[in-house]
PDB file of N, CA and C in Angstrom:
ATOM      1  N   MET A   1      34.767 147.313  15.448  1.00  0.00           N
ATOM      2  CA  MET A   1      33.645 146.987  16.307  1.00  0.00           C
ATOM      3  C   MET A   1      33.973 145.806  17.210  1.00  0.00           C
ATOM      4  N   LYS A   2      34.648 144.802  16.687  1.00  0.00           N
ATOM      5  CA  LYS A   2      35.022 143.645  17.490  1.00  0.00           C
ATOM      6  C   LYS A   2      35.978 144.048  18.611  1.00  0.00           C
ATOM      7  N   ILE A   3      36.861 144.993  18.317  1.00  0.00           N
ATOM      8  CA  ILE A   3      37.818 145.443  19.325  1.00  0.00           C
ATOM      9  C   ILE A   3      37.093 146.160  20.466  1.00  0.00           C
ATOM     10  N   VAL A   4      36.131 147.003  20.128  1.00  0.00           N
ATOM     11  CA  VAL A   4      35.365 147.723  21.140  1.00  0.00           C
ATOM     12  C   VAL A   4      34.602 146.738  22.019  1.00  0.00           C
ATOM     13  N   LEU A   5      33.973 145.763  21.410  1.00  0.00           N
ATOM     14  CA  LEU A   5      33.235 144.753  22.158  1.00  0.00           C
ATOM     15  C   LEU A   5      34.177 143.984  23.080  1.00  0.00           C
ATOM     16  N   LEU A   6      35.333 143.615  22.588  1.00  0.00           N
ATOM     17  CA  LEU A   6      36.315 142.898  23.394  1.00  0.00           C
ATOM     18  C   LEU A   6      36.769 143.745  24.582  1.00  0.00           C
ATOM     19  N   LEU A   7      36.976 145.032  24.374  1.00  0.00           N
ATOM     20  CA  LEU A   7      37.383 145.926  25.459  1.00  0.00           C
ATOM     21  C   LEU A   7      36.291 146.041  26.524  1.00  0.00           C
ATOM     22  N   VAL A   8      35.046 146.143  26.083  1.00  0.00           N
ATOM     23  CA  VAL A   8      33.931 146.240  27.025  1.00  0.00           C
ATOM     24  C   VAL A   8      33.818 144.962  27.858  1.00  0.00           C
ATOM     25  N   VAL A   9      33.901 143.818  27.222  1.00  0.00           N
ATOM     26  CA  VAL A   9      33.817 142.539  27.931  1.00  0.00           C
ATOM     27  C   VAL A   9      34.973 142.415  28.914  1.00  0.00           C
ATOM     28  N   THR A  10      36.162 142.800  28.511  1.00  0.00           N
ATOM     29  CA  THR A  10      37.331 142.743  29.388  1.00  0.00           C
ATOM     30  C   THR A  10      37.151 143.638  30.607  1.00  0.00           C
ATOM     31  N   LEU A  11      36.652 144.843  30.393  1.00  0.00           N
ATOM     32  CA  LEU A  11      36.421 145.768  31.494  1.00  0.00           C
ATOM     33  C   LEU A  11      35.400 145.217  32.481  1.00  0.00           C
ATOM     34  N   LEU A  12      34.312 144.660  31.975  1.00  0.00           N
ATOM     35  CA  LEU A  12      33.283 144.089  32.850  1.00  0.00           C
ATOM     36  C   LEU A  12      33.831 142.913  33.658  1.00  0.00           C
ATOM     37  N   CYS A  13      34.650 142.098  33.032  1.00  0.00           N
ATOM     38  CA  CYS A  13      35.260 140.969  33.739  1.00  0.00           C
ATOM     39  C   CYS A  13      36.188 141.458  34.850  1.00  0.00           C
ATOM     40  N   GLU A  14      36.952 142.508  34.568  1.00  0.00           N
ATOM     41  CA  GLU A  14      37.853 143.058  35.572  1.00  0.00           C
ATOM     42  C   GLU A  14      37.076 143.643  36.740  1.00  0.00           C
ATOM     43  N   LEU A  15      35.952 144.319  36.478  1.00  0.00           N
ATOM     44  CA  LEU A  15      35.138 144.865  37.557  1.00  0.00           C
ATOM     45  C   LEU A  15      34.580 143.753  38.430  1.00  0.00           C
ATOM     46  N   THR A  16      34.195 142.651  37.826  1.00  0.00           N
ATOM     47  CA  THR A  16      33.687 141.509  38.580  1.00  0.00           C
ATOM     48  C   THR A  16      34.763 140.959  39.489  1.00  0.00           C
ATOM     49  N   VAL A  17      35.961 140.799  38.977  1.00  0.00           N
ATOM     50  CA  VAL A  17      37.066 140.278  39.776  1.00  0.00           C
ATOM     51  C   VAL A  17      37.387 141.238  40.908  1.00  0.00           C
ATOM     52  N   LEU A  18      37.413 142.540  40.637  1.00  0.00           N
ATOM     53  CA  LEU A  18      37.701 143.528  41.679  1.00  0.00           C
ATOM     54  C   LEU A  18      36.662 143.481  42.782  1.00  0.00           C
ATOM     55  N   ALA A  19      35.397 143.397  42.432  1.00  0.00           N
ATOM     56  CA  ALA A  19      34.340 143.361  43.438  1.00  0.00           C
ATOM     57  C   ALA A  19      34.494 142.143  44.336  1.00  0.00           C
ATOM     58  N   GLN A  20      34.926 141.029  43.788  1.00  0.00           N
ATOM     59  CA  GLN A  20      35.089 139.823  44.577  1.00  0.00           C
ATOM     60  C   GLN A  20      36.293 139.922  45.503  1.00  0.00           C
ATOM     61  N   GLN A  21      37.230 140.809  45.207  1.00  0.00           N
ATOM     62  CA  GLN A  21      38.426 140.958  46.022  1.00  0.00           C
ATOM     63  C   GLN A  21      38.250 141.992  47.127  1.00  0.00           C
ATOM     64  N   TYR A  22      37.135 142.683  47.195  1.00  0.00           N
ATOM     65  CA  TYR A  22      36.914 143.701  48.205  1.00  0.00           C
ATOM     66  C   TYR A  22      36.761 143.052  49.576  1.00  0.00           C
ATOM     67  N   SER A  23      37.347 143.683  50.558  1.00  0.00           N
ATOM     68  CA  SER A  23      37.192 143.268  51.946  1.00  0.00           C
ATOM     69  C   SER A  23      36.358 144.312  52.664  1.00  0.00           C
ATOM     70  N   ILE A  24      35.533 143.855  53.589  1.00  0.00           N
ATOM     71  CA  ILE A  24      34.735 144.772  54.395  1.00  0.00           C
ATOM     72  C   ILE A  24      35.593 145.214  55.583  1.00  0.00           C
ATOM     73  N   PHE A  25      35.543 146.511  55.901  1.00  0.00           N
ATOM     74  CA  PHE A  25      36.211 146.984  57.102  1.00  0.00           C
ATOM     75  C   PHE A  25      35.282 147.915  57.867  1.00  0.00           C
ATOM     76  N   LYS A  26      35.558 148.055  59.154  1.00  0.00           N
ATOM     77  CA  LYS A  26      34.736 148.907  60.009  1.00  0.00           C
ATOM     78  C   LYS A  26      35.615 150.008  60.594  1.00  0.00           C
ATOM     79  N   GLN A  27      35.117 151.229  60.500  1.00  0.00           N
ATOM     80  CA  GLN A  27      35.863 152.377  61.017  1.00  0.00           C
ATOM     81  C   GLN A  27      34.869 153.358  61.639  1.00  0.00           C
ATOM     82  N   ASN A  28      35.086 153.706  62.887  1.00  0.00           N
ATOM     83  CA  ASN A  28      34.191 154.624  63.599  1.00  0.00           C
ATOM     84  C   ASN A  28      32.731 154.171  63.549  1.00  0.00           C
ATOM     85  N   GLY A  29      32.514 152.861  63.657  1.00  0.00           N
ATOM     86  CA  GLY A  29      31.166 152.325  63.687  1.00  0.00           C
ATOM     87  C   GLY A  29      30.487 152.211  62.330  1.00  0.00           C
ATOM     88  N   ARG A  30      31.197 152.499  61.263  1.00  0.00           N
ATOM     89  CA  ARG A  30      30.638 152.418  59.903  1.00  0.00           C
ATOM     90  C   ARG A  30      31.439 151.410  59.081  1.00  0.00           C
ATOM     91  N   TYR A  31      30.765 150.831  58.083  1.00  0.00           N
ATOM     92  CA  TYR A  31      31.397 149.824  57.228  1.00  0.00           C
ATOM     93  C   TYR A  31      31.716 150.400  55.852  1.00  0.00           C
ATOM     94  N   GLY A  32      32.832 149.927  55.307  1.00  0.00           N
ATOM     95  CA  GLY A  32      33.250 150.295  53.957  1.00  0.00           C
ATOM     96  C   GLY A  32      33.969 149.111  53.328  1.00  0.00           C
ATOM     97  N   TYR A  33      34.558 149.339  52.176  1.00  0.00           N
ATOM     98  CA  TYR A  33      35.235 148.273  51.445  1.00  0.00           C
ATOM     99  C   TYR A  33      36.647 148.708  51.076  1.00  0.00           C
ATOM    100  N   SER A  34      37.563 147.737  51.133  1.00  0.00           N
ATOM    101  CA  SER A  34      38.945 148.009  50.754  1.00  0.00           C
ATOM    102  C   SER A  34      39.432 146.907  49.819  1.00  0.00           C
ATOM    103  N   SER A  35      40.495 147.218  49.113  1.00  0.00           N
ATOM    104  CA  SER A  35      41.145 146.254  48.235  1.00  0.00           C
ATOM    105  C   SER A  35      42.647 146.464  48.338  1.00  0.00           C
ATOM    106  N   ARG A  36      43.336 145.423  48.702  1.00  0.00           N
ATOM    107  CA  ARG A  36      44.795 145.473  48.859  1.00  0.00           C
ATOM    108  C   ARG A  36      45.224 146.592  49.812  1.00  0.00           C
ATOM    109  N   GLY A  37      44.435 146.760  50.878  1.00  0.00           N
ATOM    110  CA  GLY A  37      44.787 147.731  51.899  1.00  0.00           C
ATOM    111  C   GLY A  37      44.373 149.167  51.621  1.00  0.00           C
ATOM    112  N   LYS A  38      43.758 149.416  50.473  1.00  0.00           N
ATOM    113  CA  LYS A  38      43.329 150.775  50.125  1.00  0.00           C
ATOM    114  C   LYS A  38      41.802 150.842  50.128  1.00  0.00           C
ATOM    115  N   THR A  39      41.275 151.934  50.659  1.00  0.00           N
ATOM    116  CA  THR A  39      39.833 152.127  50.678  1.00  0.00           C
ATOM    117  C   THR A  39      39.317 152.344  49.260  1.00  0.00           C
ATOM    118  N   VAL A  40      38.319 151.558  48.863  1.00  0.00           N
ATOM    119  CA  VAL A  40      37.717 151.726  47.534  1.00  0.00           C
ATOM    120  C   VAL A  40      36.291 152.259  47.634  1.00  0.00           C
ATOM    121  N   ILE A  41      35.620 151.957  48.742  1.00  0.00           N
ATOM    122  CA  ILE A  41      34.293 152.512  49.025  1.00  0.00           C
ATOM    123  C   ILE A  41      34.352 152.955  50.488  1.00  0.00           C
ATOM    124  N   PRO A  42      34.213 154.258  50.738  1.00  0.00           N
ATOM    125  CA  PRO A  42      34.373 154.785  52.098  1.00  0.00           C
ATOM    126  C   PRO A  42      33.386 154.176  53.099  1.00  0.00           C
ATOM    127  N   PRO A  43      33.762 154.150  54.370  1.00  0.00           N
ATOM    128  CA  PRO A  43      32.896 153.590  55.412  1.00  0.00           C
ATOM    129  C   PRO A  43      31.737 154.524  55.747  1.00  0.00           C
ATOM    130  N   THR A  44      30.635 154.336  55.048  1.00  0.00           N
ATOM    131  CA  THR A  44      29.453 155.178  55.251  1.00  0.00           C
ATOM    132  C   THR A  44      28.213 154.360  55.602  1.00  0.00           C
ATOM    133  N   TYR A  45      28.366 153.059  55.719  1.00  0.00           N
ATOM    134  CA  TYR A  45      27.217 152.181  55.905  1.00  0.00           C
ATOM    135  C   TYR A  45      27.116 151.682  57.342  1.00  0.00           C
ATOM    136  N   GLU A  46      25.895 151.512  57.820  1.00  0.00           N
ATOM    137  CA  GLU A  46      25.655 150.973  59.155  1.00  0.00           C
ATOM    138  C   GLU A  46      25.937 149.472  59.206  1.00  0.00           C
ATOM    139  N   TYR A  47      25.804 148.817  58.063  1.00  0.00           N
ATOM    140  CA  TYR A  47      26.107 147.399  57.938  1.00  0.00           C
ATOM    141  C   TYR A  47      26.405 147.117  56.478  1.00  0.00           C
ATOM    142  N   ALA A  48      27.235 146.121  56.218  1.00  0.00           N
ATOM    143  CA  ALA A  48      27.592 145.784  54.834  1.00  0.00           C
ATOM    144  C   ALA A  48      27.851 144.290  54.720  1.00  0.00           C
ATOM    145  N   THR A  49      27.492 143.730  53.568  1.00  0.00           N
ATOM    146  CA  THR A  49      27.761 142.325  53.288  1.00  0.00           C
ATOM    147  C   THR A  49      28.798 142.224  52.175  1.00  0.00           C
ATOM    148  N   HIS A  50      29.306 141.024  51.979  1.00  0.00           N
ATOM    149  CA  HIS A  50      30.267 140.802  50.897  1.00  0.00           C
ATOM    150  C   HIS A  50      29.571 140.906  49.543  1.00  0.00           C
ATOM    151  N   PHE A  51      30.349 141.204  48.523  1.00  0.00           N
ATOM    152  CA  PHE A  51      29.804 141.296  47.173  1.00  0.00           C
ATOM    153  C   PHE A  51      29.471 139.913  46.641  1.00  0.00           C
ATOM    154  N   SER A  52      28.360 139.840  45.941  1.00  0.00           N
ATOM    155  CA  SER A  52      27.927 138.636  45.255  1.00  0.00           C
ATOM    156  C   SER A  52      27.246 139.075  43.967  1.00  0.00           C
ATOM    157  N   GLU A  53      27.667 138.521  42.870  1.00  0.00           N
ATOM    158  CA  GLU A  53      27.119 138.896  41.566  1.00  0.00           C
ATOM    159  C   GLU A  53      27.205 140.409  41.341  1.00  0.00           C
ATOM    160  N   GLN A  54      28.338 140.976  41.718  1.00  0.00           N
ATOM    161  CA  GLN A  54      28.667 142.391  41.504  1.00  0.00           C
ATOM    162  C   GLN A  54      27.826 143.350  42.344  1.00  0.00           C
ATOM    163  N   ARG A  55      27.164 142.855  43.389  1.00  0.00           N
ATOM    164  CA  ARG A  55      26.351 143.704  44.258  1.00  0.00           C
ATOM    165  C   ARG A  55      26.623 143.347  45.716  1.00  0.00           C
ATOM    166  N   ALA A  56      26.423 144.350  46.574  1.00  0.00           N
ATOM    167  CA  ALA A  56      26.523 144.104  48.014  1.00  0.00           C
ATOM    168  C   ALA A  56      25.316 144.733  48.694  1.00  0.00           C
ATOM    169  N   LEU A  57      24.793 144.029  49.653  1.00  0.00           N
ATOM    170  CA  LEU A  57      23.661 144.508  50.436  1.00  0.00           C
ATOM    171  C   LEU A  57      24.213 145.370  51.567  1.00  0.00           C
ATOM    172  N   VAL A  58      23.730 146.605  51.682  1.00  0.00           N
ATOM    173  CA  VAL A  58      24.203 147.514  52.713  1.00  0.00           C
ATOM    174  C   VAL A  58      23.025 148.218  53.388  1.00  0.00           C
ATOM    175  N   LYS A  59      23.296 148.692  54.599  1.00  0.00           N
ATOM    176  CA  LYS A  59      22.274 149.411  55.369  1.00  0.00           C
ATOM    177  C   LYS A  59      22.755 150.846  55.584  1.00  0.00           C
ATOM    178  N   GLN A  60      21.882 151.800  55.278  1.00  0.00           N
ATOM    179  CA  GLN A  60      22.206 153.209  55.465  1.00  0.00           C
ATOM    180  C   GLN A  60      20.944 153.938  55.934  1.00  0.00           C
ATOM    181  N   ASN A  61      21.068 154.723  56.991  1.00  0.00           N
ATOM    182  CA  ASN A  61      19.929 155.444  57.572  1.00  0.00           C
ATOM    183  C   ASN A  61      18.779 154.494  57.935  1.00  0.00           C
ATOM    184  N   ASN A  62      19.146 153.331  58.487  1.00  0.00           N
ATOM    185  CA  ASN A  62      18.180 152.299  58.899  1.00  0.00           C
ATOM    186  C   ASN A  62      17.393 151.694  57.745  1.00  0.00           C
ATOM    187  N   LEU A  63      17.850 151.865  56.526  1.00  0.00           N
ATOM    188  CA  LEU A  63      17.198 151.280  55.351  1.00  0.00           C
ATOM    189  C   LEU A  63      18.214 150.445  54.581  1.00  0.00           C
ATOM    190  N   TRP A  64      17.727 149.420  53.883  1.00  0.00           N
ATOM    191  CA  TRP A  64      18.577 148.494  53.144  1.00  0.00           C
ATOM    192  C   TRP A  64      18.485 148.737  51.643  1.00  0.00           C
ATOM    193  N   GLY A  65      19.608 148.518  50.948  1.00  0.00           N
ATOM    194  CA  GLY A  65      19.661 148.604  49.496  1.00  0.00           C
ATOM    195  C   GLY A  65      20.903 147.882  48.988  1.00  0.00           C
ATOM    196  N   TYR A  66      21.106 147.906  47.680  1.00  0.00           N
ATOM    197  CA  TYR A  66      22.266 147.268  47.052  1.00  0.00           C
ATOM    198  C   TYR A  66      23.149 148.322  46.403  1.00  0.00           C
ATOM    199  N   ILE A  67      24.479 148.133  46.522  1.00  0.00           N
ATOM    200  CA  ILE A  67      25.441 148.965  45.805  1.00  0.00           C
ATOM    201  C   ILE A  67      26.199 148.102  44.811  1.00  0.00           C
ATOM    202  N   ASP A  68      26.794 148.759  43.816  1.00  0.00           N
ATOM    203  CA  ASP A  68      27.680 148.044  42.890  1.00  0.00           C
ATOM    204  C   ASP A  68      29.122 148.204  43.363  1.00  0.00           C
ATOM    205  N   SER A  69      30.067 147.706  42.594  1.00  0.00           N
ATOM    206  CA  SER A  69      31.470 147.695  43.012  1.00  0.00           C
ATOM    207  C   SER A  69      32.112 149.078  43.017  1.00  0.00           C
ATOM    208  N   THR A  70      31.395 150.094  42.559  1.00  0.00           N
ATOM    209  CA  THR A  70      31.916 151.471  42.627  1.00  0.00           C
ATOM    210  C   THR A  70      31.265 152.252  43.763  1.00  0.00           C
ATOM    211  N   GLY A  71      30.311 151.631  44.461  1.00  0.00           N
ATOM    212  CA  GLY A  71      29.623 152.299  45.550  1.00  0.00           C
ATOM    213  C   GLY A  71      28.347 153.004  45.123  1.00  0.00           C
ATOM    214  N   ASN A  72      28.000 152.902  43.853  1.00  0.00           N
ATOM    215  CA  ASN A  72      26.752 153.504  43.369  1.00  0.00           C
ATOM    216  C   ASN A  72      25.580 152.595  43.706  1.00  0.00           C
ATOM    217  N   TRP A  73      24.446 153.218  43.973  1.00  0.00           N
ATOM    218  CA  TRP A  73      23.259 152.440  44.327  1.00  0.00           C
ATOM    219  C   TRP A  73      22.680 151.725  43.109  1.00  0.00           C
ATOM    220  N   VAL A  74      22.482 150.422  43.235  1.00  0.00           N
ATOM    221  CA  VAL A  74      21.772 149.629  42.238  1.00  0.00           C
ATOM    222  C   VAL A  74      20.296 149.590  42.637  1.00  0.00           C
ATOM    223  N   VAL A  75      20.067 149.394  43.913  1.00  0.00           N
ATOM    224  CA  VAL A  75      18.733 149.484  44.516  1.00  0.00           C
ATOM    225  C   VAL A  75      18.882 150.461  45.680  1.00  0.00           C
ATOM    226  N   PRO A  76      18.307 151.650  45.584  1.00  0.00           N
ATOM    227  CA  PRO A  76      18.457 152.649  46.650  1.00  0.00           C
ATOM    228  C   PRO A  76      17.935 152.120  47.987  1.00  0.00           C
ATOM    229  N   PRO A  77      18.449 152.639  49.088  1.00  0.00           N
ATOM    230  CA  PRO A  77      18.028 152.167  50.401  1.00  0.00           C
ATOM    231  C   PRO A  77      16.610 152.614  50.731  1.00  0.00           C
ATOM    232  N   THR A  78      15.659 151.730  50.486  1.00  0.00           N
ATOM    233  CA  THR A  78      14.252 152.036  50.722  1.00  0.00           C
ATOM    234  C   THR A  78      13.552 150.948  51.523  1.00  0.00           C
ATOM    235  N   PHE A  79      14.239 149.860  51.828  1.00  0.00           N
ATOM    236  CA  PHE A  79      13.620 148.724  52.499  1.00  0.00           C
ATOM    237  C   PHE A  79      13.966 148.720  53.986  1.00  0.00           C
ATOM    238  N   HIS A  80      12.971 148.461  54.817  1.00  0.00           N
ATOM    239  CA  HIS A  80      13.181 148.428  56.263  1.00  0.00           C
ATOM    240  C   HIS A  80      13.767 147.106  56.727  1.00  0.00           C
ATOM    241  N   SER A  81      13.707 146.082  55.893  1.00  0.00           N
ATOM    242  CA  SER A  81      14.235 144.772  56.246  1.00  0.00           C
ATOM    243  C   SER A  81      15.069 144.226  55.109  1.00  0.00           C
ATOM    244  N   GLU A  82      16.178 143.601  55.468  1.00  0.00           N
ATOM    245  CA  GLU A  82      17.018 142.977  54.445  1.00  0.00           C
ATOM    246  C   GLU A  82      16.389 141.700  53.923  1.00  0.00           C
ATOM    247  N   TYR A  83      15.403 141.160  54.620  1.00  0.00           N
ATOM    248  CA  TYR A  83      14.783 139.902  54.222  1.00  0.00           C
ATOM    249  C   TYR A  83      14.247 139.970  52.793  1.00  0.00           C
ATOM    250  N   PHE A  84      13.577 141.042  52.461  1.00  0.00           N
ATOM    251  CA  PHE A  84      12.980 141.161  51.126  1.00  0.00           C
ATOM    252  C   PHE A  84      14.043 141.205  50.035  1.00  0.00           C
ATOM    253  N   LEU A  85      15.180 141.797  50.347  1.00  0.00           N
ATOM    254  CA  LEU A  85      16.243 141.882  49.364  1.00  0.00           C
ATOM    255  C   LEU A  85      17.027 140.591  49.239  1.00  0.00           C
ATOM    256  N   MET A  86      17.019 139.774  50.286  1.00  0.00           N
ATOM    257  CA  MET A  86      17.785 138.540  50.269  1.00  0.00           C
ATOM    258  C   MET A  86      16.929 137.327  49.912  1.00  0.00           C
ATOM    259  N   SER A  87      15.643 137.532  49.671  1.00  0.00           N
ATOM    260  CA  SER A  87      14.747 136.387  49.494  1.00  0.00           C
ATOM    261  C   SER A  87      14.587 135.939  48.044  1.00  0.00           C
ATOM    262  N   GLY A  88      15.521 136.324  47.187  1.00  0.00           N
ATOM    263  CA  GLY A  88      15.511 135.795  45.839  1.00  0.00           C
ATOM    264  C   GLY A  88      14.882 136.703  44.789  1.00  0.00           C
ATOM    265  N   TRP A  89      14.658 137.949  45.133  1.00  0.00           N
ATOM    266  CA  TRP A  89      14.178 138.871  44.110  1.00  0.00           C
ATOM    267  C   TRP A  89      15.209 139.002  43.009  1.00  0.00           C
ATOM    268  N   ASP A  90      14.770 139.084  41.792  1.00  0.00           N
ATOM    269  CA  ASP A  90      15.682 139.265  40.663  1.00  0.00           C
ATOM    270  C   ASP A  90      15.865 140.755  40.410  1.00  0.00           C
ATOM    271  N   ILE A  91      16.985 141.280  40.895  1.00  0.00           N
ATOM    272  CA  ILE A  91      17.249 142.714  40.783  1.00  0.00           C
ATOM    273  C   ILE A  91      18.222 142.971  39.661  1.00  0.00           C
TER     274      ILE A  91
END
């Protein structure tokens, strides 16, 4: 059990480090994320911010939401303004 817990903690730490190493790039008017020159999250967003606390604020179809370091939605794009998402809500 201790070994499993240690593996889970190690994996989570590695994901955090990877998310912090992502660079934003723009291709054909869309934003995506890369790491060490390789695309890790395809350029599908109208706008994208850097990752913070394992999340990034992105805009898709004129709506704002948060993605995780794998590109999965943590908060689906349902907000018309990024202000509400950046104003300190605990997500």
